[in-house]
Amino acid sequence: MYKFCYDNYGKFGYAYSKVLTAISLLTGIFYQAVSEALDRHRYPPQGELVDIGGFRLHLNCIGQGTPTVVMDAGGGAPSITWGLVPSEIAKFTRVCTYDRAGLGWSDPNPRISRTSQQSVDELHLLLTKAGINPPYILVGHSLGGVNMRLYASQYPEDVVGLVLVDSSHENQMTSEIWRRTKMLSWLYQVLRVISQVGVLRLIGEMNLLPILEDIKREIQKYPLAVQTLFDPFKSFCYRPDYWATASSELANIKKSFEELQSVTSLGSLPLIVLSQGSKDSKMSDERFQQWASLQLDLTKLSSNSQRIIAENSGHFVQLDQPELVISAVQRLIKSV
């Protein structure tokens, strides 16, 4: 009798745990779906969503004038990380920011690996579909700099200037950085999975997500108008598509750098290389010197180049010293 009860209790307990697990997962999925819908209502996109063939990219063009300034943010970064720079540029010419597929307000394109070439193809199609005609001055930060270099090399007749804001370099990866990049890509996939059932959102709303807490502390030193961008940024980070895209960009960074191997010269294209002058806290002195050397190497891309060191800036020059990005664009416009 006891054995019968024990055996059946075990079976019941196992079935009960499965039911509880299923209920928890469904509750999490429902919580995530409702919260994401509320986020989209609370933080609607500025500009427009342009269908480029089965998915939409977010494009925000403001100001008037020519040439049009087109800006591409860093790896895994939405367009709002340009801070106040676009609104200032809009005072003297038209400027367009956009979100790469899967980032910010843009739809994902999950069927395609996120390489620089793919981003260039999608950006060109986006500008064409939206009727944003050349000439362009391209501005790229970090990985966005890689994308804009590639764009300038493939559409030279459309581009009249290029600003690289602490841009990534195809020779920046050491064996240790490769190892960390792979680990980070794996971590992003984990975050993608737990975000699908609302766990990531729950942790974040409890102020227990280190990535967001670090950003929240760091952003306090910037103007209030920049600080207000944290909430929409946080809402992006709660989406599974965000982490899937960020992971794919990292996982394919080697291929993106390989795509640059043939871009050894941009001729006499007006080029400004804007580099951080203040070492980030987690960067070693040796790594900082290597980075500075790679930044100098970028000036060799054009016979008409200039390097500007942002003495008081870390990697996010556009937030630390936005006036330098703005003045760099102004210089290029005057040279056209």
C-alpha atoms as a PDB file:
ATOM      1  CA  MET A   1       0.000   0.000   0.000  1.00  0.00           C
ATOM      2  CA  TYR A   2       2.774   2.406   1.002  1.00  0.00           C
ATOM      3  CA  LYS A   3       4.703   1.555  -2.148  1.00  0.00           C
ATOM      4  CA  PHE A   4       1.600   2.216  -4.243  1.00  0.00           C
ATOM      5  CA  CYS A   5       1.102   5.626  -2.601  1.00  0.00           C
ATOM      6  CA  TYR A   6       4.788   6.509  -2.902  1.00  0.00           C
ATOM      7  CA  ASP A   7       4.960   5.539  -6.565  1.00  0.00           C
ATOM      8  CA  ASN A   8       1.836   7.491  -7.413  1.00  0.00           C
ATOM      9  CA  TYR A   9       2.970  10.501  -5.367  1.00  0.00           C
ATOM     10  CA  GLY A  10       6.203  10.502  -7.338  1.00  0.00           C
ATOM     11  CA  LYS A  11       4.335  10.415 -10.622  1.00  0.00           C
ATOM     12  CA  PHE A  12       1.977  13.140  -9.431  1.00  0.00           C
ATOM     13  CA  GLY A  13       4.869  15.294  -8.220  1.00  0.00           C
ATOM     14  CA  TYR A  14       6.648  14.978 -11.552  1.00  0.00           C
ATOM     15  CA  ALA A  15       3.491  15.869 -13.480  1.00  0.00           C
ATOM     16  CA  TYR A  16       2.775  18.746 -11.095  1.00  0.00           C
ATOM     17  CA  SER A  17       6.267  20.180 -11.565  1.00  0.00           C
ATOM     18  CA  LYS A  18       5.844  20.037 -15.340  1.00  0.00           C
ATOM     19  CA  VAL A  19       2.525  21.874 -15.072  1.00  0.00           C
ATOM     20  CA  LEU A  20       4.070  24.533 -12.819  1.00  0.00           C
ATOM     21  CA  THR A  21       6.974  24.953 -15.232  1.00  0.00           C
ATOM     22  CA  ALA A  22       4.611  25.320 -18.176  1.00  0.00           C
ATOM     23  CA  ILE A  23       2.487  27.857 -16.295  1.00  0.00           C
ATOM     24  CA  SER A  24       5.594  29.833 -15.302  1.00  0.00           C
ATOM     25  CA  LEU A  25       6.875  29.910 -18.879  1.00  0.00           C
ATOM     26  CA  LEU A  26       3.505  30.958 -20.272  1.00  0.00           C
ATOM     27  CA  THR A  27       3.207  33.659 -17.614  1.00  0.00           C
ATOM     28  CA  GLY A  28       6.687  34.914 -18.467  1.00  0.00           C
ATOM     29  CA  ILE A  29       5.950  34.960 -22.192  1.00  0.00           C
ATOM     30  CA  PHE A  30       2.693  36.837 -21.562  1.00  0.00           C
ATOM     31  CA  TYR A  31       4.466  39.326 -19.263  1.00  0.00           C
ATOM     32  CA  GLN A  32       7.145  39.930 -21.889  1.00  0.00           C
ATOM     33  CA  ALA A  33       4.632  40.366 -24.732  1.00  0.00           C
ATOM     34  CA  VAL A  34       2.433  42.812 -22.820  1.00  0.00           C
ATOM     35  CA  SER A  35       5.398  44.795 -21.501  1.00  0.00           C
ATOM     36  CA  GLU A  36       6.974  44.997 -24.948  1.00  0.00           C
ATOM     37  CA  ALA A  37       3.710  46.293 -26.406  1.00  0.00           C
ATOM     38  CA  LEU A  38       3.548  48.936 -23.677  1.00  0.00           C
ATOM     39  CA  ASP A  39       7.155  49.927 -24.399  1.00  0.00           C
ATOM     40  CA  ARG A  40       6.388  50.413 -28.079  1.00  0.00           C
ATOM     41  CA  HIS A  41       3.462  52.654 -27.147  1.00  0.00           C
ATOM     42  CA  ARG A  42       5.498  54.552 -24.557  1.00  0.00           C
ATOM     43  CA  TYR A  43       8.541  55.061 -26.806  1.00  0.00           C
ATOM     44  CA  PRO A  44       7.315  55.431 -30.402  1.00  0.00           C
ATOM     45  CA  PRO A  45       9.967  55.868 -33.104  1.00  0.00           C
ATOM     46  CA  GLN A  46      10.885  59.316 -34.307  1.00  0.00           C
ATOM     47  CA  GLY A  47      11.006  59.484 -38.069  1.00  0.00           C
ATOM     48  CA  GLU A  48       9.708  56.578 -40.129  1.00  0.00           C
ATOM     49  CA  LEU A  49       9.866  52.819 -40.583  1.00  0.00           C
ATOM     50  CA  VAL A  50      10.821  51.988 -44.167  1.00  0.00           C
ATOM     51  CA  ASP A  51      10.036  48.577 -45.659  1.00  0.00           C
ATOM     52  CA  ILE A  52      13.081  47.370 -47.565  1.00  0.00           C
ATOM     53  CA  GLY A  53      11.728  43.958 -48.476  1.00  0.00           C
ATOM     54  CA  GLY A  54       9.980  41.961 -45.771  1.00  0.00           C
ATOM     55  CA  PHE A  55      11.215  43.984 -42.810  1.00  0.00           C
ATOM     56  CA  ARG A  56      11.381  47.650 -41.824  1.00  0.00           C
ATOM     57  CA  LEU A  57      14.310  49.832 -40.849  1.00  0.00           C
ATOM     58  CA  HIS A  58      13.964  52.892 -38.665  1.00  0.00           C
ATOM     59  CA  LEU A  59      15.141  56.113 -40.337  1.00  0.00           C
ATOM     60  CA  ASN A  60      15.030  59.587 -38.822  1.00  0.00           C
ATOM     61  CA  CYS A  61      15.988  62.517 -41.064  1.00  0.00           C
ATOM     62  CA  ILE A  62      15.879  66.072 -39.697  1.00  0.00           C
ATOM     63  CA  GLY A  63      17.073  69.447 -40.907  1.00  0.00           C
ATOM     64  CA  GLN A  64      17.529  70.749 -44.427  1.00  0.00           C
ATOM     65  CA  GLY A  65      20.455  71.205 -46.745  1.00  0.00           C
ATOM     66  CA  THR A  66      23.077  69.284 -48.626  1.00  0.00           C
ATOM     67  CA  PRO A  67      25.115  67.155 -48.411  1.00  0.00           C
ATOM     68  CA  THR A  68      23.076  64.809 -46.244  1.00  0.00           C
ATOM     69  CA  VAL A  69      24.877  63.459 -43.187  1.00  0.00           C
ATOM     70  CA  VAL A  70      24.230  59.736 -42.622  1.00  0.00           C
ATOM     71  CA  MET A  71      25.188  58.302 -39.223  1.00  0.00           C
ATOM     72  CA  ASP A  72      25.764  54.682 -38.165  1.00  0.00           C
ATOM     73  CA  ALA A  73      26.170  53.778 -34.478  1.00  0.00           C
ATOM     74  CA  GLY A  74      28.513  51.249 -32.879  1.00  0.00           C
ATOM     75  CA  GLY A  75      28.160  47.498 -32.464  1.00  0.00           C
ATOM     76  CA  GLY A  76      24.896  46.492 -30.795  1.00  0.00           C
ATOM     77  CA  ALA A  77      24.020  50.178 -30.394  1.00  0.00           C
ATOM     78  CA  PRO A  78      20.775  51.903 -31.411  1.00  0.00           C
ATOM     79  CA  SER A  79      20.790  55.275 -33.133  1.00  0.00           C
ATOM     80  CA  ILE A  80      19.907  57.138 -29.924  1.00  0.00           C
ATOM     81  CA  THR A  81      23.501  56.589 -28.745  1.00  0.00           C
ATOM     82  CA  TRP A  82      24.423  59.550 -30.959  1.00  0.00           C
ATOM     83  CA  GLY A  83      22.938  61.669 -28.174  1.00  0.00           C
ATOM     84  CA  LEU A  84      22.529  65.353 -29.019  1.00  0.00           C
ATOM     85  CA  VAL A  85      24.773  65.330 -32.098  1.00  0.00           C
ATOM     86  CA  PRO A  86      22.072  64.840 -34.787  1.00  0.00           C
ATOM     87  CA  SER A  87      19.875  67.686 -33.526  1.00  0.00           C
ATOM     88  CA  GLU A  88      22.863  70.040 -33.601  1.00  0.00           C
ATOM     89  CA  ILE A  89      23.920  68.994 -37.104  1.00  0.00           C
ATOM     90  CA  ALA A  90      20.324  69.535 -38.234  1.00  0.00           C
ATOM     91  CA  LYS A  91      20.804  73.250 -37.570  1.00  0.00           C
ATOM     92  CA  PHE A  92      23.010  73.553 -40.658  1.00  0.00           C
ATOM     93  CA  THR A  93      22.187  70.574 -42.933  1.00  0.00           C
ATOM     94  CA  ARG A  94      20.023  67.481 -43.235  1.00  0.00           C
ATOM     95  CA  VAL A  95      21.098  64.555 -41.062  1.00  0.00           C
ATOM     96  CA  CYS A  96      19.791  60.985 -41.048  1.00  0.00           C
ATOM     97  CA  THR A  97      20.251  58.442 -38.299  1.00  0.00           C
ATOM     98  CA  TYR A  98      19.044  54.876 -38.623  1.00  0.00           C
ATOM     99  CA  ASP A  99      18.901  51.631 -36.688  1.00  0.00           C
ATOM    100  CA  ARG A 100      20.481  48.572 -38.216  1.00  0.00           C
ATOM    101  CA  ALA A 101      18.160  45.560 -38.512  1.00  0.00           C
ATOM    102  CA  GLY A 102      17.274  44.163 -35.084  1.00  0.00           C
ATOM    103  CA  LEU A 103      18.441  47.248 -33.177  1.00  0.00           C
ATOM    104  CA  GLY A 104      16.468  50.175 -31.812  1.00  0.00           C
ATOM    105  CA  TRP A 105      13.152  50.566 -33.597  1.00  0.00           C
ATOM    106  CA  SER A 106      14.121  48.473 -36.637  1.00  0.00           C
ATOM    107  CA  ASP A 107      12.686  45.047 -37.369  1.00  0.00           C
ATOM    108  CA  PRO A 108      15.108  42.113 -37.281  1.00  0.00           C
ATOM    109  CA  ASN A 109      16.346  40.323 -40.358  1.00  0.00           C
ATOM    110  CA  PRO A 110      17.062  36.980 -38.649  1.00  0.00           C
ATOM    111  CA  ARG A 111      17.665  35.030 -41.851  1.00  0.00           C
ATOM    112  CA  ILE A 112      20.872  36.911 -42.562  1.00  0.00           C
ATOM    113  CA  SER A 113      24.086  37.021 -40.502  1.00  0.00           C
ATOM    114  CA  ARG A 114      24.883  40.507 -39.276  1.00  0.00           C
ATOM    115  CA  THR A 115      28.048  41.404 -41.191  1.00  0.00           C
ATOM    116  CA  SER A 116      29.238  44.834 -42.288  1.00  0.00           C
ATOM    117  CA  GLN A 117      28.513  43.989 -45.908  1.00  0.00           C
ATOM    118  CA  GLN A 118      24.934  43.100 -45.012  1.00  0.00           C
ATOM    119  CA  SER A 119      24.560  46.391 -43.144  1.00  0.00           C
ATOM    120  CA  VAL A 120      25.941  48.315 -46.131  1.00  0.00           C
ATOM    121  CA  ASP A 121      23.545  46.567 -48.513  1.00  0.00           C
ATOM    122  CA  GLU A 122      20.577  47.317 -46.271  1.00  0.00           C
ATOM    123  CA  LEU A 123      21.588  50.946 -45.706  1.00  0.00           C
ATOM    124  CA  HIS A 124      21.945  51.581 -49.438  1.00  0.00           C
ATOM    125  CA  LEU A 125      18.531  50.048 -50.055  1.00  0.00           C
ATOM    126  CA  LEU A 126      17.053  52.069 -47.186  1.00  0.00           C
ATOM    127  CA  LEU A 127      18.351  55.386 -48.531  1.00  0.00           C
ATOM    128  CA  THR A 128      17.115  54.506 -52.013  1.00  0.00           C
ATOM    129  CA  LYS A 129      13.646  53.461 -50.831  1.00  0.00           C
ATOM    130  CA  ALA A 130      13.306  56.558 -48.646  1.00  0.00           C
ATOM    131  CA  GLY A 131      14.372  58.884 -51.453  1.00  0.00           C
ATOM    132  CA  ILE A 132      17.412  60.206 -49.573  1.00  0.00           C
ATOM    133  CA  ASN A 133      19.618  61.152 -52.486  1.00  0.00           C
ATOM    134  CA  PRO A 134      23.386  61.730 -52.440  1.00  0.00           C
ATOM    135  CA  PRO A 135      25.771  63.397 -51.896  1.00  0.00           C
ATOM    136  CA  TYR A 136      26.411  61.991 -48.419  1.00  0.00           C
ATOM    137  CA  ILE A 137      28.811  62.678 -45.606  1.00  0.00           C
ATOM    138  CA  LEU A 138      29.093  59.418 -43.684  1.00  0.00           C
ATOM    139  CA  VAL A 139      29.702  59.322 -39.936  1.00  0.00           C
ATOM    140  CA  GLY A 140      30.410  56.021 -38.194  1.00  0.00           C
ATOM    141  CA  HIS A 141      31.173  55.223 -34.564  1.00  0.00           C
ATOM    142  CA  SER A 142      33.092  52.081 -33.577  1.00  0.00           C
ATOM    143  CA  LEU A 143      31.681  49.189 -35.661  1.00  0.00           C
ATOM    144  CA  GLY A 144      29.613  51.774 -37.521  1.00  0.00           C
ATOM    145  CA  GLY A 145      32.925  53.156 -38.750  1.00  0.00           C
ATOM    146  CA  VAL A 146      33.698  49.808 -40.371  1.00  0.00           C
ATOM    147  CA  ASN A 147      30.324  49.867 -42.096  1.00  0.00           C
ATOM    148  CA  MET A 148      30.803  53.419 -43.345  1.00  0.00           C
ATOM    149  CA  ARG A 149      34.303  52.696 -44.659  1.00  0.00           C
ATOM    150  CA  LEU A 150      32.888  49.814 -46.632  1.00  0.00           C
ATOM    151  CA  TYR A 151      30.011  51.956 -47.900  1.00  0.00           C
ATOM    152  CA  ALA A 152      32.369  54.734 -49.020  1.00  0.00           C
ATOM    153  CA  SER A 153      34.527  52.244 -50.926  1.00  0.00           C
ATOM    154  CA  GLN A 154      31.572  50.676 -52.735  1.00  0.00           C
ATOM    155  CA  TYR A 155      29.661  53.867 -53.555  1.00  0.00           C
ATOM    156  CA  PRO A 156      32.439  56.449 -54.038  1.00  0.00           C
ATOM    157  CA  GLU A 157      30.328  58.540 -56.404  1.00  0.00           C
ATOM    158  CA  ASP A 158      27.759  59.091 -53.629  1.00  0.00           C
ATOM    159  CA  VAL A 159      30.113  59.999 -50.780  1.00  0.00           C
ATOM    160  CA  VAL A 160      31.851  63.371 -50.389  1.00  0.00           C
ATOM    161  CA  GLY A 161      33.214  62.983 -46.864  1.00  0.00           C
ATOM    162  CA  LEU A 162      33.763  60.514 -44.025  1.00  0.00           C
ATOM    163  CA  VAL A 163      34.058  60.961 -40.259  1.00  0.00           C
ATOM    164  CA  LEU A 164      35.304  57.975 -38.255  1.00  0.00           C
ATOM    165  CA  VAL A 165      34.473  58.369 -34.562  1.00  0.00           C
ATOM    166  CA  ASP A 166      36.844  56.136 -32.573  1.00  0.00           C
ATOM    167  CA  SER A 167      36.263  53.588 -35.310  1.00  0.00           C
ATOM    168  CA  SER A 168      37.031  49.903 -35.092  1.00  0.00           C
ATOM    169  CA  HIS A 169      40.039  48.694 -37.090  1.00  0.00           C
ATOM    170  CA  GLU A 170      40.405  45.384 -38.891  1.00  0.00           C
ATOM    171  CA  ASN A 171      43.685  44.658 -37.070  1.00  0.00           C
ATOM    172  CA  GLN A 172      42.458  45.380 -33.549  1.00  0.00           C
ATOM    173  CA  MET A 173      41.741  41.797 -32.502  1.00  0.00           C
ATOM    174  CA  THR A 174      44.313  39.978 -30.378  1.00  0.00           C
ATOM    175  CA  SER A 175      43.879  36.328 -29.364  1.00  0.00           C
ATOM    176  CA  GLU A 176      42.651  37.441 -25.942  1.00  0.00           C
ATOM    177  CA  ILE A 177      40.113  39.830 -27.451  1.00  0.00           C
ATOM    178  CA  TRP A 178      38.904  37.085 -29.804  1.00  0.00           C
ATOM    179  CA  ARG A 179      38.353  34.835 -26.781  1.00  0.00           C
ATOM    180  CA  ARG A 180      36.402  37.518 -24.927  1.00  0.00           C
ATOM    181  CA  THR A 181      34.371  38.327 -28.023  1.00  0.00           C
ATOM    182  CA  LYS A 182      33.284  34.705 -28.381  1.00  0.00           C
ATOM    183  CA  MET A 183      32.331  34.558 -24.701  1.00  0.00           C
ATOM    184  CA  LEU A 184      30.369  37.791 -24.996  1.00  0.00           C
ATOM    185  CA  SER A 185      28.537  36.517 -28.073  1.00  0.00           C
ATOM    186  CA  TRP A 186      27.580  33.387 -26.114  1.00  0.00           C
ATOM    187  CA  LEU A 187      26.430  35.510 -23.156  1.00  0.00           C
ATOM    188  CA  TYR A 188      24.232  37.574 -25.459  1.00  0.00           C
ATOM    189  CA  GLN A 189      22.553  34.385 -26.652  1.00  0.00           C
ATOM    190  CA  VAL A 190      21.806  33.480 -23.034  1.00  0.00           C
ATOM    191  CA  LEU A 191      20.297  36.927 -22.503  1.00  0.00           C
ATOM    192  CA  ARG A 192      18.232  36.434 -25.648  1.00  0.00           C
ATOM    193  CA  VAL A 193      16.751  33.210 -24.276  1.00  0.00           C
ATOM    194  CA  ILE A 194      15.868  34.551 -20.836  1.00  0.00           C
ATOM    195  CA  SER A 195      14.444  37.748 -22.342  1.00  0.00           C
ATOM    196  CA  GLN A 196      11.892  35.676 -24.268  1.00  0.00           C
ATOM    197  CA  VAL A 197      10.195  34.633 -21.028  1.00  0.00           C
ATOM    198  CA  GLY A 198      10.495  38.017 -19.306  1.00  0.00           C
ATOM    199  CA  VAL A 199      13.266  37.025 -16.886  1.00  0.00           C
ATOM    200  CA  LEU A 200      15.723  39.619 -18.196  1.00  0.00           C
ATOM    201  CA  ARG A 201      13.090  42.346 -17.936  1.00  0.00           C
ATOM    202  CA  LEU A 202      12.219  41.295 -14.393  1.00  0.00           C
ATOM    203  CA  ILE A 203      15.880  41.373 -13.331  1.00  0.00           C
ATOM    204  CA  GLY A 204      16.347  44.742 -14.994  1.00  0.00           C
ATOM    205  CA  GLU A 205      13.297  46.282 -13.356  1.00  0.00           C
ATOM    206  CA  MET A 206      14.656  45.106  -9.995  1.00  0.00           C
ATOM    207  CA  ASN A 207      17.871  47.046 -10.776  1.00  0.00           C
ATOM    208  CA  LEU A 208      19.882  43.819 -10.699  1.00  0.00           C
ATOM    209  CA  LEU A 209      21.149  43.734 -14.298  1.00  0.00           C
ATOM    210  CA  PRO A 210      24.840  44.800 -14.209  1.00  0.00           C
ATOM    211  CA  ILE A 211      24.953  45.900 -17.864  1.00  0.00           C
ATOM    212  CA  LEU A 212      22.095  48.361 -17.403  1.00  0.00           C
ATOM    213  CA  GLU A 213      23.203  49.491 -13.949  1.00  0.00           C
ATOM    214  CA  ASP A 214      26.662  50.396 -15.293  1.00  0.00           C
ATOM    215  CA  ILE A 215      25.105  52.434 -18.110  1.00  0.00           C
ATOM    216  CA  LYS A 216      22.690  54.114 -15.705  1.00  0.00           C
ATOM    217  CA  ARG A 217      25.588  55.263 -13.507  1.00  0.00           C
ATOM    218  CA  GLU A 218      27.719  56.371 -16.451  1.00  0.00           C
ATOM    219  CA  ILE A 219      24.966  58.387 -18.106  1.00  0.00           C
ATOM    220  CA  GLN A 220      24.502  60.605 -15.045  1.00  0.00           C
ATOM    221  CA  LYS A 221      27.469  62.750 -16.095  1.00  0.00           C
ATOM    222  CA  TYR A 222      25.769  63.788 -19.333  1.00  0.00           C
ATOM    223  CA  PRO A 223      23.125  66.510 -19.934  1.00  0.00           C
ATOM    224  CA  LEU A 224      19.549  65.758 -18.909  1.00  0.00           C
ATOM    225  CA  ALA A 225      18.504  65.453 -22.560  1.00  0.00           C
ATOM    226  CA  VAL A 226      20.941  62.545 -22.913  1.00  0.00           C
ATOM    227  CA  GLN A 227      19.904  60.978 -19.605  1.00  0.00           C
ATOM    228  CA  THR A 228      16.299  60.766 -20.809  1.00  0.00           C
ATOM    229  CA  LEU A 229      17.448  58.401 -23.568  1.00  0.00           C
ATOM    230  CA  PHE A 230      18.181  55.689 -21.002  1.00  0.00           C
ATOM    231  CA  ASP A 231      14.578  54.501 -20.661  1.00  0.00           C
ATOM    232  CA  PRO A 232      14.016  53.800 -24.386  1.00  0.00           C
ATOM    233  CA  PHE A 233      17.477  52.221 -24.522  1.00  0.00           C
ATOM    234  CA  LYS A 234      16.531  49.963 -21.618  1.00  0.00           C
ATOM    235  CA  SER A 235      13.329  48.946 -23.410  1.00  0.00           C
ATOM    236  CA  PHE A 236      15.397  47.889 -26.440  1.00  0.00           C
ATOM    237  CA  CYS A 237      17.619  45.765 -24.194  1.00  0.00           C
ATOM    238  CA  TYR A 238      14.622  43.817 -22.923  1.00  0.00           C
ATOM    239  CA  ARG A 239      13.820  42.525 -26.419  1.00  0.00           C
ATOM    240  CA  PRO A 240      15.095  39.122 -27.613  1.00  0.00           C
ATOM    241  CA  ASP A 241      15.777  40.543 -31.089  1.00  0.00           C
ATOM    242  CA  TYR A 242      18.223  43.039 -29.628  1.00  0.00           C
ATOM    243  CA  TRP A 243      20.428  40.349 -28.094  1.00  0.00           C
ATOM    244  CA  ALA A 244      20.142  38.080 -31.129  1.00  0.00           C
ATOM    245  CA  THR A 245      21.395  40.934 -33.307  1.00  0.00           C
ATOM    246  CA  ALA A 246      24.143  42.023 -30.916  1.00  0.00           C
ATOM    247  CA  SER A 247      25.324  38.414 -30.678  1.00  0.00           C
ATOM    248  CA  SER A 248      25.308  37.999 -34.459  1.00  0.00           C
ATOM    249  CA  GLU A 249      27.300  41.206 -34.986  1.00  0.00           C
ATOM    250  CA  LEU A 250      29.929  39.943 -32.554  1.00  0.00           C
ATOM    251  CA  ALA A 251      29.949  36.399 -33.918  1.00  0.00           C
ATOM    252  CA  ASN A 252      30.508  37.762 -37.427  1.00  0.00           C
ATOM    253  CA  ILE A 253      33.009  40.486 -36.538  1.00  0.00           C
ATOM    254  CA  LYS A 254      35.859  38.495 -38.077  1.00  0.00           C
ATOM    255  CA  LYS A 255      34.025  38.294 -41.385  1.00  0.00           C
ATOM    256  CA  SER A 256      33.236  42.011 -41.211  1.00  0.00           C
ATOM    257  CA  PHE A 257      36.915  42.793 -40.734  1.00  0.00           C
ATOM    258  CA  GLU A 258      37.826  40.465 -43.589  1.00  0.00           C
ATOM    259  CA  GLU A 259      35.435  42.415 -45.812  1.00  0.00           C
ATOM    260  CA  LEU A 260      37.627  45.461 -45.170  1.00  0.00           C
ATOM    261  CA  GLN A 261      40.860  43.848 -46.329  1.00  0.00           C
ATOM    262  CA  SER A 262      40.356  45.117 -49.869  1.00  0.00           C
ATOM    263  CA  VAL A 263      39.608  48.668 -48.692  1.00  0.00           C
ATOM    264  CA  THR A 264      43.181  49.929 -48.500  1.00  0.00           C
ATOM    265  CA  SER A 265      42.530  53.359 -49.998  1.00  0.00           C
ATOM    266  CA  LEU A 266      39.674  55.813 -50.326  1.00  0.00           C
ATOM    267  CA  GLY A 267      41.673  58.001 -52.682  1.00  0.00           C
ATOM    268  CA  SER A 268      41.437  61.694 -51.828  1.00  0.00           C
ATOM    269  CA  LEU A 269      38.085  61.454 -50.028  1.00  0.00           C
ATOM    270  CA  PRO A 270      37.966  64.083 -47.251  1.00  0.00           C
ATOM    271  CA  LEU A 271      38.428  62.047 -44.075  1.00  0.00           C
ATOM    272  CA  ILE A 272      38.479  63.014 -40.408  1.00  0.00           C
ATOM    273  CA  VAL A 273      39.553  60.413 -37.855  1.00  0.00           C
ATOM    274  CA  LEU A 274      38.241  61.408 -34.430  1.00  0.00           C
ATOM    275  CA  SER A 275      39.840  59.364 -31.647  1.00  0.00           C
ATOM    276  CA  GLN A 276      39.410  59.041 -27.907  1.00  0.00           C
ATOM    277  CA  GLY A 277      42.147  60.736 -25.898  1.00  0.00           C
ATOM    278  CA  SER A 278      41.191  59.500 -22.450  1.00  0.00           C
ATOM    279  CA  LYS A 279      41.783  55.872 -21.513  1.00  0.00           C
ATOM    280  CA  ASP A 280      38.694  53.911 -20.519  1.00  0.00           C
ATOM    281  CA  SER A 281      38.926  52.522 -16.988  1.00  0.00           C
ATOM    282  CA  LYS A 282      38.963  48.881 -18.112  1.00  0.00           C
ATOM    283  CA  MET A 283      41.595  49.440 -20.830  1.00  0.00           C
ATOM    284  CA  SER A 284      45.254  48.686 -20.101  1.00  0.00           C
ATOM    285  CA  ASP A 285      47.958  51.228 -20.945  1.00  0.00           C
ATOM    286  CA  GLU A 286      49.345  48.846 -23.559  1.00  0.00           C
ATOM    287  CA  ARG A 287      45.948  48.368 -25.168  1.00  0.00           C
ATOM    288  CA  PHE A 288      45.352  52.130 -25.185  1.00  0.00           C
ATOM    289  CA  GLN A 289      48.637  52.705 -27.031  1.00  0.00           C
ATOM    290  CA  GLN A 290      47.771  49.984 -29.535  1.00  0.00           C
ATOM    291  CA  TRP A 291      44.380  51.590 -30.113  1.00  0.00           C
ATOM    292  CA  ALA A 292      45.984  55.007 -30.661  1.00  0.00           C
ATOM    293  CA  SER A 293      48.343  53.474 -33.217  1.00  0.00           C
ATOM    294  CA  LEU A 294      45.447  51.856 -35.083  1.00  0.00           C
ATOM    295  CA  GLN A 295      43.568  55.155 -35.093  1.00  0.00           C
ATOM    296  CA  LEU A 296      46.574  56.851 -36.659  1.00  0.00           C
ATOM    297  CA  ASP A 297      46.712  54.086 -39.252  1.00  0.00           C
ATOM    298  CA  LEU A 298      43.166  54.958 -40.349  1.00  0.00           C
ATOM    299  CA  THR A 299      44.398  58.325 -41.626  1.00  0.00           C
ATOM    300  CA  LYS A 300      46.344  56.459 -44.326  1.00  0.00           C
ATOM    301  CA  LEU A 301      43.067  55.544 -46.011  1.00  0.00           C
ATOM    302  CA  SER A 302      42.959  58.932 -47.724  1.00  0.00           C
ATOM    303  CA  SER A 303      45.466  61.432 -49.034  1.00  0.00           C
ATOM    304  CA  ASN A 304      43.134  64.111 -47.675  1.00  0.00           C
ATOM    305  CA  SER A 305      42.820  63.073 -44.038  1.00  0.00           C
ATOM    306  CA  GLN A 306      43.066  64.658 -40.634  1.00  0.00           C
ATOM    307  CA  ARG A 307      43.212  63.183 -37.158  1.00  0.00           C
ATOM    308  CA  ILE A 308      41.649  64.862 -34.148  1.00  0.00           C
ATOM    309  CA  ILE A 309      42.211  63.556 -30.629  1.00  0.00           C
ATOM    310  CA  ALA A 310      39.317  64.064 -28.221  1.00  0.00           C
ATOM    311  CA  GLU A 311      41.418  64.669 -25.123  1.00  0.00           C
ATOM    312  CA  ASN A 312      38.527  64.448 -22.669  1.00  0.00           C
ATOM    313  CA  SER A 313      36.690  61.531 -24.261  1.00  0.00           C
ATOM    314  CA  GLY A 314      36.554  57.810 -23.854  1.00  0.00           C
ATOM    315  CA  HIS A 315      35.184  55.544 -26.574  1.00  0.00           C
ATOM    316  CA  PHE A 316      31.861  57.422 -26.800  1.00  0.00           C
ATOM    317  CA  VAL A 317      33.262  60.674 -28.143  1.00  0.00           C
ATOM    318  CA  GLN A 318      29.801  61.742 -29.336  1.00  0.00           C
ATOM    319  CA  LEU A 319      28.603  61.795 -25.726  1.00  0.00           C
ATOM    320  CA  ASP A 320      31.761  63.061 -24.005  1.00  0.00           C
ATOM    321  CA  GLN A 321      32.618  65.797 -26.520  1.00  0.00           C
ATOM    322  CA  PRO A 322      29.759  66.054 -29.019  1.00  0.00           C
ATOM    323  CA  GLU A 323      31.029  69.404 -30.263  1.00  0.00           C
ATOM    324  CA  LEU A 324      34.002  67.652 -31.883  1.00  0.00           C
ATOM    325  CA  VAL A 325      31.770  65.420 -34.015  1.00  0.00           C
ATOM    326  CA  ILE A 326      29.656  68.417 -34.987  1.00  0.00           C
ATOM    327  CA  SER A 327      32.661  70.554 -35.931  1.00  0.00           C
ATOM    328  CA  ALA A 328      34.166  67.663 -37.925  1.00  0.00           C
ATOM    329  CA  VAL A 329      31.002  67.491 -40.026  1.00  0.00           C
ATOM    330  CA  GLN A 330      31.059  71.261 -40.487  1.00  0.00           C
ATOM    331  CA  ARG A 331      34.654  71.125 -41.743  1.00  0.00           C
ATOM    332  CA  LEU A 332      33.788  68.503 -44.325  1.00  0.00           C
ATOM    333  CA  ILE A 333      30.783  70.469 -45.540  1.00  0.00           C
ATOM    334  CA  LYS A 334      32.983  73.538 -46.051  1.00  0.00           C
ATOM    335  CA  SER A 335      35.460  71.434 -48.027  1.00  0.00           C
ATOM    336  CA  VAL A 336      32.829  70.167 -50.473  1.00  0.00           C
END
